[in-house]
Amino acid sequence: MGQPHQCEVSFTDASGVRHSVQITAESLYEAAVLGVNALRSNEFLGDALAPAAILDIEVYQTLTYHTLQMTKLQNWLESSARTPAEHAQKKRLRELFFFTHPPAAKG
């Protein structure tokens, strides 16, 4: 795991309104999950954060900026881990992500 970094996670909804939250995370995908969780907890957003939403992730301490599609985040969460540490991280993040965003029923 990396060092924790202050990050801003944001997205622009279908109406063109940009929403953002600040969180602390150790990785890009952790920042995405924590940011999505924080955004979803905001009662003003409703269902604005759609599966096709593009997440913008800005890391303050390293001055980097990332864009991540929600479907890529979900695919990463559902993929196999390469190390025991990554397995533990994905398990924790999956529980958080899918608790607040249950997968759509297939069929």
C-alpha atoms as a PDB file:
ATOM      1  CA  MET A   1       0.000   0.000   0.000  1.00  0.00           C
ATOM      2  CA  GLY A   2       1.120   3.544  -0.642  1.00  0.00           C
ATOM      3  CA  GLN A   3       1.202   6.621   1.503  1.00  0.00           C
ATOM      4  CA  PRO A   4      -2.157   8.361   2.084  1.00  0.00           C
ATOM      5  CA  HIS A   5      -2.747  11.400  -0.124  1.00  0.00           C
ATOM      6  CA  GLN A   6      -5.304  14.167  -0.055  1.00  0.00           C
ATOM      7  CA  CYS A   7      -7.470  13.810  -3.159  1.00  0.00           C
ATOM      8  CA  GLU A   8     -10.440  15.433  -4.804  1.00  0.00           C
ATOM      9  CA  VAL A   9     -12.893  13.139  -6.586  1.00  0.00           C
ATOM     10  CA  SER A  10     -15.398  14.770  -8.900  1.00  0.00           C
ATOM     11  CA  PHE A  11     -17.763  14.170 -11.780  1.00  0.00           C
ATOM     12  CA  THR A  12     -20.043  16.257 -13.989  1.00  0.00           C
ATOM     13  CA  ASP A  13     -23.686  15.178 -14.035  1.00  0.00           C
ATOM     14  CA  ALA A  14     -26.013  15.058 -17.062  1.00  0.00           C
ATOM     15  CA  SER A  15     -27.050  18.682 -16.404  1.00  0.00           C
ATOM     16  CA  GLY A  16     -23.435  19.842 -16.592  1.00  0.00           C
ATOM     17  CA  VAL A  17     -23.078  20.425 -12.840  1.00  0.00           C
ATOM     18  CA  ARG A  18     -19.693  19.410 -11.389  1.00  0.00           C
ATOM     19  CA  HIS A  19     -19.763  17.702  -7.982  1.00  0.00           C
ATOM     20  CA  SER A  20     -16.641  17.018  -5.913  1.00  0.00           C
ATOM     21  CA  VAL A  21     -15.482  15.749  -2.524  1.00  0.00           C
ATOM     22  CA  GLN A  22     -12.135  15.702  -0.780  1.00  0.00           C
ATOM     23  CA  ILE A  23     -10.900  12.445   0.708  1.00  0.00           C
ATOM     24  CA  THR A  24      -7.667  10.773   1.833  1.00  0.00           C
ATOM     25  CA  ALA A  25      -6.615   7.594   0.027  1.00  0.00           C
ATOM     26  CA  GLU A  26      -3.603   5.348  -0.566  1.00  0.00           C
ATOM     27  CA  SER A  27      -4.341   4.483  -4.215  1.00  0.00           C
ATOM     28  CA  LEU A  28      -6.250   5.675  -7.262  1.00  0.00           C
ATOM     29  CA  TYR A  29      -8.942   3.015  -6.922  1.00  0.00           C
ATOM     30  CA  GLU A  30      -9.293   3.586  -3.193  1.00  0.00           C
ATOM     31  CA  ALA A  31      -9.735   7.302  -3.913  1.00  0.00           C
ATOM     32  CA  ALA A  32     -12.405   6.448  -6.493  1.00  0.00           C
ATOM     33  CA  VAL A  33     -14.356   4.168  -4.129  1.00  0.00           C
ATOM     34  CA  LEU A  34     -14.113   6.528  -1.153  1.00  0.00           C
ATOM     35  CA  GLY A  35     -15.061   9.466  -3.371  1.00  0.00           C
ATOM     36  CA  VAL A  36     -18.052   7.641  -4.866  1.00  0.00           C
ATOM     37  CA  ASN A  37     -19.167   6.634  -1.384  1.00  0.00           C
ATOM     38  CA  ALA A  38     -18.914  10.226  -0.137  1.00  0.00           C
ATOM     39  CA  LEU A  39     -20.683  11.608  -3.222  1.00  0.00           C
ATOM     40  CA  ARG A  40     -23.509   9.073  -2.906  1.00  0.00           C
ATOM     41  CA  SER A  41     -24.032  10.033   0.721  1.00  0.00           C
ATOM     42  CA  ASN A  42     -24.885  13.578  -0.398  1.00  0.00           C
ATOM     43  CA  GLU A  43     -28.675  13.895  -0.464  1.00  0.00           C
ATOM     44  CA  PHE A  44     -28.517  16.648  -3.116  1.00  0.00           C
ATOM     45  CA  LEU A  45     -27.149  14.277  -5.763  1.00  0.00           C
ATOM     46  CA  GLY A  46     -29.913  11.680  -5.851  1.00  0.00           C
ATOM     47  CA  ASP A  47     -29.101   9.270  -8.699  1.00  0.00           C
ATOM     48  CA  ALA A  48     -26.876  11.744 -10.572  1.00  0.00           C
ATOM     49  CA  LEU A  49     -23.818   9.474 -10.325  1.00  0.00           C
ATOM     50  CA  ALA A  50     -24.624   7.042 -13.134  1.00  0.00           C
ATOM     51  CA  PRO A  51     -22.560   3.923 -13.991  1.00  0.00           C
ATOM     52  CA  ALA A  52     -21.253   5.635 -17.149  1.00  0.00           C
ATOM     53  CA  ALA A  53     -20.094   8.701 -15.179  1.00  0.00           C
ATOM     54  CA  ILE A  54     -16.476   9.752 -15.599  1.00  0.00           C
ATOM     55  CA  LEU A  55     -14.653  10.330 -12.316  1.00  0.00           C
ATOM     56  CA  ASP A  56     -11.927  12.948 -12.151  1.00  0.00           C
ATOM     57  CA  ILE A  57      -9.397  12.272  -9.403  1.00  0.00           C
ATOM     58  CA  GLU A  58      -6.908  14.933  -8.408  1.00  0.00           C
ATOM     59  CA  VAL A  59      -4.088  13.992  -6.041  1.00  0.00           C
ATOM     60  CA  TYR A  60      -2.858  17.043  -4.174  1.00  0.00           C
ATOM     61  CA  GLN A  61       0.412  15.880  -2.644  1.00  0.00           C
ATOM     62  CA  THR A  62       1.823  14.534  -5.877  1.00  0.00           C
ATOM     63  CA  LEU A  63       0.087  17.046  -8.159  1.00  0.00           C
ATOM     64  CA  THR A  64      -1.409  14.446 -10.462  1.00  0.00           C
ATOM     65  CA  TYR A  65      -4.820  14.219 -12.066  1.00  0.00           C
ATOM     66  CA  HIS A  66      -6.646  11.071 -13.189  1.00  0.00           C
ATOM     67  CA  THR A  67      -9.886  10.365 -15.053  1.00  0.00           C
ATOM     68  CA  LEU A  68     -11.592   7.024 -14.415  1.00  0.00           C
ATOM     69  CA  GLN A  69     -14.857   5.711 -15.833  1.00  0.00           C
ATOM     70  CA  MET A  70     -17.170   4.127 -13.248  1.00  0.00           C
ATOM     71  CA  THR A  71     -17.394   0.893 -15.284  1.00  0.00           C
ATOM     72  CA  LYS A  72     -13.575   0.582 -15.224  1.00  0.00           C
ATOM     73  CA  LEU A  73     -13.654   1.032 -11.446  1.00  0.00           C
ATOM     74  CA  GLN A  74     -16.258  -1.716 -11.091  1.00  0.00           C
ATOM     75  CA  ASN A  75     -14.300  -4.011 -13.443  1.00  0.00           C
ATOM     76  CA  TRP A  76     -11.150  -3.475 -11.349  1.00  0.00           C
ATOM     77  CA  LEU A  77     -13.044  -4.230  -8.137  1.00  0.00           C
ATOM     78  CA  GLU A  78     -14.377  -7.469  -9.660  1.00  0.00           C
ATOM     79  CA  SER A  79     -11.017  -8.588 -11.134  1.00  0.00           C
ATOM     80  CA  SER A  80      -8.570 -10.972  -9.463  1.00  0.00           C
ATOM     81  CA  ALA A  81      -5.961  -9.571  -7.095  1.00  0.00           C
ATOM     82  CA  ARG A  82      -2.279 -10.082  -7.856  1.00  0.00           C
ATOM     83  CA  THR A  83      -0.998 -10.031  -4.280  1.00  0.00           C
ATOM     84  CA  PRO A  84      -2.381 -10.764  -0.797  1.00  0.00           C
ATOM     85  CA  ALA A  85      -2.243  -7.035   0.020  1.00  0.00           C
ATOM     86  CA  GLU A  86      -4.213  -6.168  -3.126  1.00  0.00           C
ATOM     87  CA  HIS A  87      -6.707  -8.940  -2.303  1.00  0.00           C
ATOM     88  CA  ALA A  88      -7.303  -7.422   1.148  1.00  0.00           C
ATOM     89  CA  GLN A  89      -7.608  -3.936  -0.341  1.00  0.00           C
ATOM     90  CA  LYS A  90     -10.091  -5.062  -3.013  1.00  0.00           C
ATOM     91  CA  LYS A  91     -12.154  -7.000  -0.483  1.00  0.00           C
ATOM     92  CA  ARG A  92     -12.460  -3.926   1.746  1.00  0.00           C
ATOM     93  CA  LEU A  93     -13.205  -1.607  -1.178  1.00  0.00           C
ATOM     94  CA  ARG A  94     -15.721  -4.036  -2.756  1.00  0.00           C
ATOM     95  CA  GLU A  95     -17.638  -4.219   0.510  1.00  0.00           C
ATOM     96  CA  LEU A  96     -17.765  -0.437   0.714  1.00  0.00           C
ATOM     97  CA  PHE A  97     -18.566   0.099  -2.982  1.00  0.00           C
ATOM     98  CA  PHE A  98     -21.238  -2.577  -3.346  1.00  0.00           C
ATOM     99  CA  PHE A  99     -22.817  -1.732   0.005  1.00  0.00           C
ATOM    100  CA  THR A 100     -23.600   1.734  -1.334  1.00  0.00           C
ATOM    101  CA  HIS A 101     -24.045   0.680  -4.977  1.00  0.00           C
ATOM    102  CA  PRO A 102     -25.467  -2.852  -5.373  1.00  0.00           C
ATOM    103  CA  PRO A 103     -24.758  -4.403  -8.777  1.00  0.00           C
ATOM    104  CA  ALA A 104     -27.612  -4.219 -11.291  1.00  0.00           C
ATOM    105  CA  ALA A 105     -29.625  -7.410 -11.684  1.00  0.00           C
ATOM    106  CA  LYS A 106     -28.760  -9.328 -14.826  1.00  0.00           C
ATOM    107  CA  GLY A 107     -31.431 -10.891 -16.858  1.00  0.00           C
END
